[in-house]
Amino acid sequence: MKRFGLATFVLGSLILSSLSSCTSNDDNMALMQPTALVTVRPTDSGTFTLQLDNTTTLYPTNMKSSPFGNKEVRALVNYTDEGSRGNTRNVHINWIDSIRTKNTVPDLGIENDAKYGNDAIEIVNDWVTIAEDGYLTLRIRTQWGILNNKHNINLLTGVNPDNPYEVELRHDANGDIGGIMGDALIAFNLNDLLPKDTQTVKLKLNWKSFSGHKTTEFEL
């Protein structure tokens, strides 16, 4: 999982502002902050597009191929708009950073703890915590210990036989617990879970937080 320190990002911006003039600070802040959360989609011709939302597609003008190869991933991007026509926009990419993007995994019943762990995790209510474009992207928060072991985050499907749109987030810290709280971003591909027609359904997400079991819903 790729850690992305949004708090560190803000702190860095504040330090930068104390060292810069007002004009250059505005420019630096605009350049450092992500413009959007997108889905990076390679094409058969070797180029790629950025899906901004369910209807808007961005076409990079300064990059021919995706920096992530042929993988479809979620990403944070800072871009400059170079003109739009309908639901398409030409953009100049200033920077782009991928988010760890995973497929869902099946619920294993009594084997879930052994396979996927049962460590506490928080989901942060933030603009990057969203279900869109066939993906669930989450800003998560948990303890990162001194062992620096890899933390595994998985999204389980099939947790409720009566509701295919109920899922569970699982966290395995691999013993790396008791440290300071920190944030990360992770995304899950939900395209196999999407309804076959155009109806909107509620995705129910369950997880174990530091204060007990929690649930929230997303429109899917």
Protein backbone atom coordinates (compact mmCIF):
# COMPACT_ATOMS: atom_id res chain seq x y z
CA MET A 1 0.00 0.00 0.00
CA LYS A 2 1.28 3.45 -0.86
CA ARG A 3 1.32 5.91 2.00
CA PHE A 4 0.45 9.49 1.10
CA GLY A 5 0.88 11.98 3.93
CA LEU A 6 -1.77 14.61 3.31
CA ALA A 7 -0.95 16.18 6.69
CA THR A 8 2.72 16.27 5.75
CA PHE A 9 1.72 17.81 2.45
CA VAL A 10 -0.05 20.68 4.21
CA LEU A 11 2.84 21.15 6.64
CA GLY A 12 5.27 21.37 3.75
CA SER A 13 3.10 23.96 2.08
CA LEU A 14 3.02 26.07 5.25
CA ILE A 15 6.81 25.96 5.56
CA LEU A 16 7.10 26.96 1.93
CA SER A 17 4.78 29.91 2.48
CA SER A 18 7.02 31.31 5.20
CA LEU A 19 9.97 31.35 2.81
CA SER A 20 8.26 32.82 -0.25
CA SER A 21 6.71 36.07 -1.36
CA CYS A 22 2.93 36.28 -1.60
CA THR A 23 2.86 35.87 -5.39
CA SER A 24 5.33 33.00 -5.56
CA ASN A 25 3.61 31.37 -2.60
CA ASP A 26 0.29 31.35 -4.43
CA ASP A 27 1.96 29.81 -7.46
CA ASN A 28 3.79 27.20 -5.40
CA MET A 29 0.69 26.24 -3.46
CA ALA A 30 -1.33 25.84 -6.66
CA LEU A 31 1.39 23.67 -8.17
CA MET A 32 1.91 21.48 -5.10
CA GLN A 33 -1.72 20.74 -4.35
CA PRO A 34 -3.52 18.02 -6.34
CA THR A 35 -6.03 19.37 -8.84
CA ALA A 36 -8.07 16.20 -9.00
CA LEU A 37 -8.46 12.52 -8.21
CA VAL A 38 -8.62 10.54 -11.48
CA THR A 39 -8.57 7.09 -13.03
CA VAL A 40 -5.58 6.59 -15.34
CA ARG A 41 -6.70 4.56 -18.36
CA PRO A 42 -4.16 3.32 -20.93
CA THR A 43 -5.47 2.92 -24.49
CA ASP A 44 -4.78 0.24 -27.09
CA SER A 45 -2.78 2.79 -29.10
CA GLY A 46 -0.27 3.27 -26.26
CA THR A 47 -1.60 6.65 -25.10
CA PHE A 48 -3.73 7.22 -22.03
CA THR A 49 -6.59 9.30 -20.68
CA LEU A 50 -7.59 10.50 -17.24
CA GLN A 51 -11.18 9.89 -16.19
CA LEU A 52 -12.17 12.81 -13.99
CA ASP A 53 -15.71 11.68 -13.17
CA ASN A 54 -18.45 9.56 -14.73
CA THR A 55 -18.72 11.91 -17.73
CA THR A 56 -15.51 13.99 -18.04
CA THR A 57 -12.32 12.75 -19.70
CA LEU A 58 -8.96 14.53 -19.62
CA TYR A 59 -6.50 14.23 -22.52
CA PRO A 60 -2.85 14.93 -21.60
CA THR A 61 -1.02 17.11 -24.11
CA ASN A 62 2.51 16.77 -22.71
CA MET A 63 2.69 13.02 -22.05
CA LYS A 64 2.28 10.35 -24.71
CA SER A 65 2.19 7.23 -22.52
CA SER A 66 1.13 6.51 -18.98
CA PRO A 67 3.93 6.56 -16.38
CA PHE A 68 2.25 3.49 -14.86
CA GLY A 69 2.52 1.33 -17.97
CA ASN A 70 -0.57 -0.61 -18.99
CA LYS A 71 -2.07 -0.61 -15.50
CA GLU A 72 -5.36 1.15 -14.81
CA VAL A 73 -4.90 2.93 -11.50
CA ARG A 74 -6.33 5.73 -9.42
CA ALA A 75 -4.07 8.75 -9.07
CA LEU A 76 -3.71 12.27 -7.76
CA VAL A 77 -2.83 14.77 -10.46
CA ASN A 78 -2.01 18.44 -10.77
CA TYR A 79 -2.86 19.75 -14.21
CA THR A 80 -3.36 22.97 -16.12
CA ASP A 81 -6.53 23.18 -18.20
CA GLU A 82 -5.78 23.95 -21.85
CA GLY A 83 -9.33 24.06 -23.15
CA SER A 84 -12.47 21.98 -23.07
CA ARG A 85 -15.12 20.81 -25.47
CA GLY A 86 -18.20 19.19 -24.02
CA ASN A 87 -17.14 16.42 -21.68
CA THR A 88 -13.50 16.40 -22.81
CA ARG A 89 -10.60 18.59 -21.72
CA ASN A 90 -7.05 19.01 -22.93
CA VAL A 91 -4.68 19.30 -19.96
CA HIS A 92 -1.00 19.82 -19.26
CA ILE A 93 0.09 17.45 -16.49
CA ASN A 94 2.35 19.17 -13.95
CA TRP A 95 2.69 16.05 -11.83
CA ILE A 96 0.87 12.79 -11.25
CA ASP A 97 1.18 10.26 -8.42
CA SER A 98 -0.47 6.86 -8.40
CA ILE A 99 -2.52 5.45 -5.54
CA ARG A 100 -2.20 1.79 -4.62
CA THR A 101 -5.08 0.25 -6.55
CA LYS A 102 -6.24 -3.27 -5.69
CA ASN A 103 -8.94 -5.73 -6.60
CA THR A 104 -11.40 -6.90 -3.98
CA VAL A 105 -10.98 -10.26 -2.22
CA PRO A 106 -13.57 -12.86 -1.14
CA ASP A 107 -14.92 -13.17 2.38
CA LEU A 108 -13.53 -16.34 3.98
CA GLY A 109 -15.76 -16.50 7.04
CA ILE A 110 -13.94 -17.77 10.13
CA GLU A 111 -10.63 -17.60 8.26
CA ASN A 112 -10.82 -13.82 7.73
CA ASP A 113 -8.74 -12.91 10.79
CA ALA A 114 -5.93 -15.28 9.86
CA LYS A 115 -5.94 -14.31 6.19
CA TYR A 116 -6.72 -10.58 6.27
CA GLY A 117 -5.97 -9.50 9.86
CA ASN A 118 -8.24 -7.66 12.27
CA ASP A 119 -6.30 -4.54 13.27
CA ALA A 120 -8.05 -1.22 13.82
CA ILE A 121 -8.19 1.42 11.11
CA GLU A 122 -10.00 4.71 10.58
CA ILE A 123 -11.59 6.09 7.41
CA VAL A 124 -11.16 9.84 7.07
CA ASN A 125 -14.09 11.89 5.79
CA ASP A 126 -12.23 13.73 3.03
CA TRP A 127 -12.69 14.69 -0.63
CA VAL A 128 -10.53 11.74 -1.68
CA THR A 129 -12.78 9.29 0.21
CA ILE A 130 -15.26 8.60 -2.55
CA ALA A 131 -16.92 5.94 -4.69
CA GLU A 132 -16.83 6.94 -8.35
CA ASP A 133 -15.88 5.69 -11.80
CA GLY A 134 -16.02 2.06 -10.66
CA TYR A 135 -13.59 2.54 -7.76
CA LEU A 136 -13.73 3.07 -4.02
CA THR A 137 -10.92 5.38 -2.95
CA LEU A 138 -10.24 5.82 0.75
CA ARG A 139 -8.10 8.04 2.91
CA ILE A 140 -7.29 5.78 5.84
CA ARG A 141 -5.64 6.50 9.19
CA THR A 142 -3.92 4.07 11.53
CA GLN A 143 -0.89 3.56 13.76
CA TRP A 144 2.46 3.07 12.05
CA GLY A 145 4.87 1.40 14.44
CA ILE A 146 8.66 1.32 14.67
CA LEU A 147 8.92 -2.11 13.02
CA ASN A 148 8.14 -0.58 9.61
CA ASN A 149 6.42 -3.79 8.54
CA LYS A 150 4.19 -3.75 5.48
CA HIS A 151 0.55 -3.06 6.30
CA ASN A 152 -1.98 -5.00 4.21
CA ILE A 153 -5.38 -3.44 3.48
CA ASN A 154 -8.08 -5.49 1.76
CA LEU A 155 -11.71 -5.00 0.78
CA LEU A 156 -13.85 -8.10 1.24
CA THR A 157 -16.92 -8.85 -0.85
CA GLY A 158 -19.58 -11.47 -0.21
CA VAL A 159 -19.83 -10.59 3.49
CA ASN A 160 -23.64 -10.55 3.39
CA PRO A 161 -25.45 -13.16 1.25
CA ASP A 162 -28.55 -10.95 1.23
CA ASN A 163 -26.73 -7.81 0.05
CA PRO A 164 -24.02 -8.07 -2.63
CA TYR A 165 -23.22 -4.38 -2.10
CA GLU A 166 -22.09 -4.84 1.51
CA VAL A 167 -18.30 -4.99 1.89
CA GLU A 168 -15.76 -4.99 4.71
CA LEU A 169 -12.39 -3.26 5.02
CA ARG A 170 -9.72 -5.35 6.71
CA HIS A 171 -6.32 -4.22 8.05
CA ASP A 172 -3.34 -6.44 8.86
CA ALA A 173 -0.55 -4.38 10.47
CA ASN A 174 1.71 -7.45 10.69
CA GLY A 175 2.58 -6.53 14.27
CA ASP A 176 3.50 -2.95 13.37
CA ILE A 177 1.21 -1.33 15.95
CA GLY A 178 1.42 1.15 18.79
CA GLY A 179 3.15 3.91 16.81
CA ILE A 180 2.03 7.36 15.74
CA MET A 181 -1.13 7.92 13.72
CA GLY A 182 -0.61 8.55 10.02
CA ASP A 183 -2.63 8.63 6.80
CA ALA A 184 -2.48 6.78 3.52
CA LEU A 185 -4.55 6.48 0.35
CA ILE A 186 -5.78 3.24 -1.18
CA ALA A 187 -8.26 2.40 -3.94
CA PHE A 188 -10.28 -0.70 -4.80
CA ASN A 189 -11.64 -1.76 -8.18
CA LEU A 190 -15.40 -2.28 -7.88
CA ASN A 191 -16.21 -2.84 -11.54
CA ASP A 192 -17.17 -6.49 -10.95
CA LEU A 193 -19.58 -5.30 -8.28
CA LEU A 194 -21.31 -2.59 -10.30
CA PRO A 195 -25.00 -3.08 -11.15
CA LYS A 196 -25.58 -4.17 -14.74
CA ASP A 197 -28.02 -1.36 -15.46
CA THR A 198 -27.92 2.36 -14.71
CA GLN A 199 -29.50 2.14 -11.29
CA THR A 200 -27.79 3.73 -8.29
CA VAL A 201 -27.25 1.45 -5.30
CA LYS A 202 -25.87 1.95 -1.81
CA LEU A 203 -22.46 0.46 -1.08
CA LYS A 204 -22.34 -0.41 2.63
CA LEU A 205 -18.82 -0.39 4.06
CA ASN A 206 -17.97 -2.00 7.41
CA TRP A 207 -14.69 -1.72 9.31
CA LYS A 208 -13.12 -2.07 12.75
CA SER A 209 -12.12 1.35 14.06
CA PHE A 210 -10.15 2.24 17.18
CA SER A 211 -13.49 2.93 18.89
CA GLY A 212 -15.33 -0.17 17.68
CA HIS A 213 -17.30 -1.32 14.64
CA LYS A 214 -18.32 1.38 12.17
CA THR A 215 -20.42 1.53 9.01
CA THR A 216 -20.93 4.07 6.25
CA GLU A 217 -22.58 4.13 2.84
CA PHE A 218 -21.56 5.38 -0.60
CA GLU A 219 -23.65 5.81 -3.73
CA LEU A 220 -22.49 3.38 -6.40
